[in-house]
Amino acid sequence: MAPAATTLDVSIGISLGPCVGGVIGKKKFCYDLWGDTINQASRMESNGEKGHIHVTKEVARELNTYFLLESRGNVFIKGKGEIETFWLFPRGESPHHTIS
């Protein structure tokens, strides 16, 4: 019997900039990242939609020759205010296509 198909709906947020990383913990170690870049990427994810990649203007500027980008206009981002953000799509796909 074939296994049942599973659908996984995710949203992804990407930001660009400096961050700090390090190992935390004394008994159980964990690697973590901190900084405004990490917080902004988290905000991109939480303000995004399932099946989409939500990126900052800086990421859009770096990736515009490799990917199709569609402006979302100004979006209110906690801790940043109104900033222009973008949806990122593979080249050749409709901007209204969700990633499967």
Protein backbone atom coordinates (compact mmCIF):
# COMPACT_ATOMS: atom_id res chain seq x y z
CA MET A 1 0.00 0.00 0.00
CA ALA A 2 1.37 3.43 -0.95
CA PRO A 3 1.86 5.98 1.83
CA ALA A 4 -0.63 8.82 1.99
CA ALA A 5 0.47 12.06 0.33
CA THR A 6 1.55 14.75 2.75
CA THR A 7 1.28 18.46 2.08
CA LEU A 8 3.55 20.86 3.88
CA ASP A 9 2.61 24.53 3.76
CA VAL A 10 5.45 26.81 4.79
CA SER A 11 6.22 30.48 4.66
CA ILE A 12 9.81 31.71 4.38
CA GLY A 13 11.32 35.08 5.30
CA ILE A 14 14.75 36.27 4.16
CA SER A 15 16.72 39.35 5.19
CA LEU A 16 20.28 40.46 4.44
CA GLY A 17 22.86 41.95 6.80
CA PRO A 18 25.19 41.33 9.74
CA CYS A 19 24.45 39.02 12.64
CA VAL A 20 26.21 37.39 15.58
CA GLY A 21 26.25 33.66 16.23
CA GLY A 22 27.39 31.60 19.15
CA VAL A 23 27.00 28.50 21.25
CA ILE A 24 24.81 28.77 24.34
CA GLY A 25 24.25 26.36 27.20
CA LYS A 26 26.37 24.59 29.82
CA LYS A 27 25.00 21.04 29.70
CA LYS A 28 23.14 20.94 26.41
CA PHE A 29 24.77 23.11 23.76
CA CYS A 30 22.83 24.97 21.11
CA TYR A 31 24.00 27.26 18.31
CA ASP A 32 21.97 30.44 17.92
CA LEU A 33 21.99 33.65 15.86
CA TRP A 34 21.15 37.17 17.05
CA GLY A 35 20.78 40.60 15.53
CA ASP A 36 18.51 42.93 13.61
CA THR A 37 18.95 40.88 10.43
CA ILE A 38 17.63 37.75 12.16
CA ASN A 39 14.71 39.67 13.69
CA GLN A 40 13.81 41.17 10.30
CA ALA A 41 13.93 37.74 8.60
CA SER A 42 11.61 36.44 11.31
CA ARG A 43 9.24 39.36 10.67
CA MET A 44 9.31 38.59 6.92
CA GLU A 45 8.24 35.03 7.70
CA SER A 46 5.53 36.00 10.18
CA ASN A 47 4.11 38.68 7.84
CA GLY A 48 4.27 36.38 4.81
CA GLU A 49 1.79 33.86 3.46
CA LYS A 50 1.89 30.09 3.22
CA GLY A 51 3.60 28.96 0.04
CA HIS A 52 5.48 32.23 -0.46
CA ILE A 53 8.99 33.59 0.12
CA HIS A 54 8.83 37.09 1.61
CA VAL A 55 12.01 39.18 1.32
CA THR A 56 13.31 42.63 2.22
CA LYS A 57 14.19 45.31 -0.32
CA GLU A 58 17.91 44.58 0.22
CA VAL A 59 17.42 40.90 -0.67
CA ALA A 60 15.30 41.85 -3.70
CA ARG A 61 18.07 44.18 -4.91
CA GLU A 62 20.67 41.37 -4.68
CA LEU A 63 18.51 38.65 -6.27
CA ASN A 64 16.63 40.54 -8.99
CA THR A 65 18.81 39.15 -11.81
CA TYR A 66 18.25 35.55 -10.65
CA PHE A 67 14.62 35.52 -9.53
CA LEU A 68 11.29 37.15 -10.31
CA LEU A 69 10.30 39.63 -7.60
CA GLU A 70 6.90 41.21 -7.04
CA SER A 71 6.59 44.21 -4.75
CA ARG A 72 4.04 43.94 -1.96
CA GLY A 73 4.24 47.69 -1.50
CA ASN A 74 4.77 49.06 1.99
CA VAL A 75 4.07 46.58 4.78
CA PHE A 76 4.08 47.43 8.50
CA ILE A 77 6.87 45.45 10.16
CA LYS A 78 7.04 45.48 13.97
CA GLY A 79 10.13 47.33 15.12
CA LYS A 80 10.73 48.81 11.64
CA GLY A 81 7.52 50.57 10.64
CA GLU A 82 6.39 50.71 7.02
CA ILE A 83 8.94 49.16 4.64
CA GLU A 84 8.71 47.93 1.06
CA THR A 85 8.85 44.14 0.84
CA PHE A 86 8.73 41.63 -2.01
CA TRP A 87 7.56 38.15 -2.94
CA LEU A 88 10.33 36.04 -4.51
CA PHE A 89 9.52 33.53 -7.30
CA PRO A 90 11.63 31.30 -9.56
CA ARG A 91 12.18 32.82 -13.03
CA GLY A 92 9.52 31.75 -15.51
CA GLU A 93 6.76 31.29 -12.94
CA SER A 94 3.69 33.43 -12.62
CA PRO A 95 3.94 35.93 -9.76
CA HIS A 96 0.63 34.56 -8.48
CA HIS A 97 1.84 30.94 -8.36
CA THR A 98 2.39 29.54 -4.86
CA ILE A 99 5.40 27.33 -4.21
CA SER A 100 4.52 23.66 -3.70
